[in-house]
Amino acid sequence: MIVTPSINFTQPGLARLLDGMEPHELDELAFGVIGFDDDTGVKIYNRTEATLAGLSVSNVLGQRFFTNVAPCMNNFMVAQRFEDAHRLGHELDATIDYVLTLRMRPTKVKLRLLSHPGLALNFVLVDRSR
């Protein structure tokens, strides 16, 4: 039984929901999901994001997110927010308008940045439905 269609980009408590989902469930979501550990190693890269970004899951898993996969997010708007939340032990749940520029023409998206001290993974969600 797949329950993912009821999960949406804006719903509260999404980090905990994503943390408990199986890879095939994450693949059914309508938005991109990238999950990475505190060392920024990518552990989750769903099919939606792989298809829309043009990067294969096998080439992304295990890579450093902010240096090897998405250096266009290695800035104060994205990467620094995760560093600050981790350093302070705070939860992060922020949605920002953003323009992706790596390996593609500039693409306007919404990013949702999720980090919770009790979870092993941090998440960047990418909504391209704008």
Protein backbone atom coordinates (compact mmCIF):
# COMPACT_ATOMS: atom_id res chain seq x y z
CA MET A 1 0.00 0.00 0.00
CA ILE A 2 1.50 3.34 -1.09
CA VAL A 3 0.30 6.38 0.86
CA THR A 4 2.60 8.97 -0.69
CA PRO A 5 0.04 10.84 -2.83
CA SER A 6 -1.36 12.42 0.36
CA ILE A 7 2.06 13.86 1.21
CA ASN A 8 2.59 17.38 -0.05
CA PHE A 9 5.47 19.85 -0.16
CA THR A 10 4.02 22.23 2.44
CA GLN A 11 2.68 19.93 5.12
CA PRO A 12 3.91 20.29 8.70
CA GLY A 13 6.20 17.66 10.22
CA LEU A 14 7.47 16.56 6.84
CA ALA A 15 11.05 15.77 7.94
CA ARG A 16 9.83 13.00 10.25
CA LEU A 17 7.53 11.59 7.58
CA LEU A 18 10.28 11.50 4.95
CA ASP A 19 12.71 9.95 7.42
CA GLY A 20 10.40 6.97 7.85
CA MET A 21 9.59 6.35 4.19
CA GLU A 22 10.93 3.62 1.94
CA PRO A 23 12.81 4.59 -1.26
CA HIS A 24 9.96 3.42 -3.52
CA GLU A 25 7.55 5.64 -1.57
CA LEU A 26 9.85 8.65 -1.94
CA ASP A 27 10.03 7.98 -5.68
CA GLU A 28 6.26 8.49 -5.96
CA LEU A 29 6.33 12.04 -4.57
CA ALA A 30 5.63 14.92 -6.97
CA PHE A 31 8.62 16.93 -5.69
CA GLY A 32 12.34 16.30 -5.47
CA VAL A 33 13.74 14.86 -2.24
CA ILE A 34 17.45 14.91 -1.37
CA GLY A 35 18.43 13.51 2.01
CA PHE A 36 21.95 13.93 3.33
CA ASP A 37 23.82 13.28 6.56
CA ASP A 38 25.61 15.86 8.70
CA ASP A 39 28.75 15.43 6.57
CA THR A 40 26.57 16.29 3.52
CA GLY A 41 26.86 12.79 2.02
CA VAL A 42 23.74 12.13 -0.08
CA LYS A 43 21.79 9.11 1.22
CA ILE A 44 18.44 9.74 -0.50
CA TYR A 45 17.84 11.02 -4.02
CA ASN A 46 14.36 10.30 -5.28
CA ARG A 47 13.40 9.48 -8.84
CA THR A 48 11.49 12.75 -9.29
CA GLU A 49 14.58 14.81 -8.57
CA ALA A 50 16.82 12.56 -10.65
CA THR A 51 14.52 12.88 -13.67
CA LEU A 52 14.01 16.64 -13.41
CA ALA A 53 17.65 17.47 -12.62
CA GLY A 54 19.04 15.06 -15.20
CA LEU A 55 21.33 13.34 -12.70
CA SER A 56 21.23 9.59 -12.11
CA VAL A 57 20.57 8.28 -8.63
CA SER A 58 23.67 6.05 -8.81
CA ASN A 59 25.92 9.02 -9.60
CA VAL A 60 24.53 11.15 -6.77
CA LEU A 61 24.29 8.74 -3.82
CA GLY A 62 27.35 9.00 -1.59
CA GLN A 63 28.49 12.31 -3.09
CA ARG A 64 28.86 15.49 -1.02
CA PHE A 65 25.70 17.47 -1.67
CA PHE A 66 26.94 21.06 -1.49
CA THR A 67 30.26 20.52 -3.24
CA ASN A 68 29.73 17.73 -5.80
CA VAL A 69 25.99 17.61 -6.49
CA ALA A 70 24.61 21.12 -5.99
CA PRO A 71 27.40 23.67 -5.62
CA CYS A 72 24.86 26.32 -6.64
CA MET A 73 23.33 25.82 -3.16
CA ASN A 74 26.64 26.15 -1.31
CA ASN A 75 25.84 29.63 0.00
CA PHE A 76 24.30 31.54 2.88
CA MET A 77 20.75 30.94 1.65
CA VAL A 78 20.94 27.13 1.78
CA ALA A 79 24.12 25.44 3.06
CA GLN A 80 24.74 28.01 5.79
CA ARG A 81 21.25 27.50 7.20
CA PHE A 82 21.94 23.80 7.66
CA GLU A 83 25.34 24.54 9.26
CA ASP A 84 23.79 27.05 11.66
CA ALA A 85 20.93 24.73 12.65
CA HIS A 86 23.35 21.86 13.23
CA ARG A 87 25.79 24.00 15.24
CA LEU A 88 23.01 25.41 17.44
CA GLY A 89 21.05 22.14 17.73
CA HIS A 90 17.95 23.82 16.30
CA GLU A 91 15.26 22.55 14.00
CA LEU A 92 15.24 24.02 10.49
CA ASP A 93 12.08 24.26 8.40
CA ALA A 94 12.36 27.05 5.85
CA THR A 95 10.83 27.49 2.42
CA ILE A 96 12.56 29.85 -0.01
CA ASP A 97 12.23 30.91 -3.61
CA TYR A 98 15.38 29.92 -5.46
CA VAL A 99 16.90 29.70 -8.93
CA LEU A 100 18.76 26.51 -9.84
CA THR A 101 21.61 27.13 -12.27
CA LEU A 102 23.87 24.08 -12.37
CA ARG A 103 23.77 21.91 -15.52
CA MET A 104 20.57 23.55 -16.74
CA ARG A 105 19.13 26.82 -17.81
CA PRO A 106 18.13 28.92 -14.78
CA THR A 107 15.04 27.31 -13.26
CA LYS A 108 12.83 28.99 -10.66
CA VAL A 109 11.89 26.61 -7.85
CA LYS A 110 10.78 26.56 -4.25
CA LEU A 111 13.17 24.87 -1.85
CA ARG A 112 12.16 23.54 1.53
CA LEU A 113 15.07 23.08 3.92
CA LEU A 114 14.48 20.54 6.69
CA SER A 115 16.71 19.53 9.55
CA HIS A 116 15.80 18.13 12.94
CA PRO A 117 18.27 17.34 15.75
CA GLY A 118 16.61 13.96 16.36
CA LEU A 119 16.90 12.74 12.77
CA ALA A 120 19.92 11.25 11.01
CA LEU A 121 19.22 13.03 7.72
CA ASN A 122 18.68 16.59 6.56
CA PHE A 123 16.47 17.25 3.54
CA VAL A 124 16.31 19.63 0.63
CA LEU A 125 12.98 19.42 -1.15
CA VAL A 126 12.61 20.89 -4.63
CA ASP A 127 9.24 22.01 -5.98
CA ARG A 128 9.36 22.85 -9.68
CA SER A 129 5.58 23.22 -10.10
CA ARG A 130 5.73 27.02 -9.99
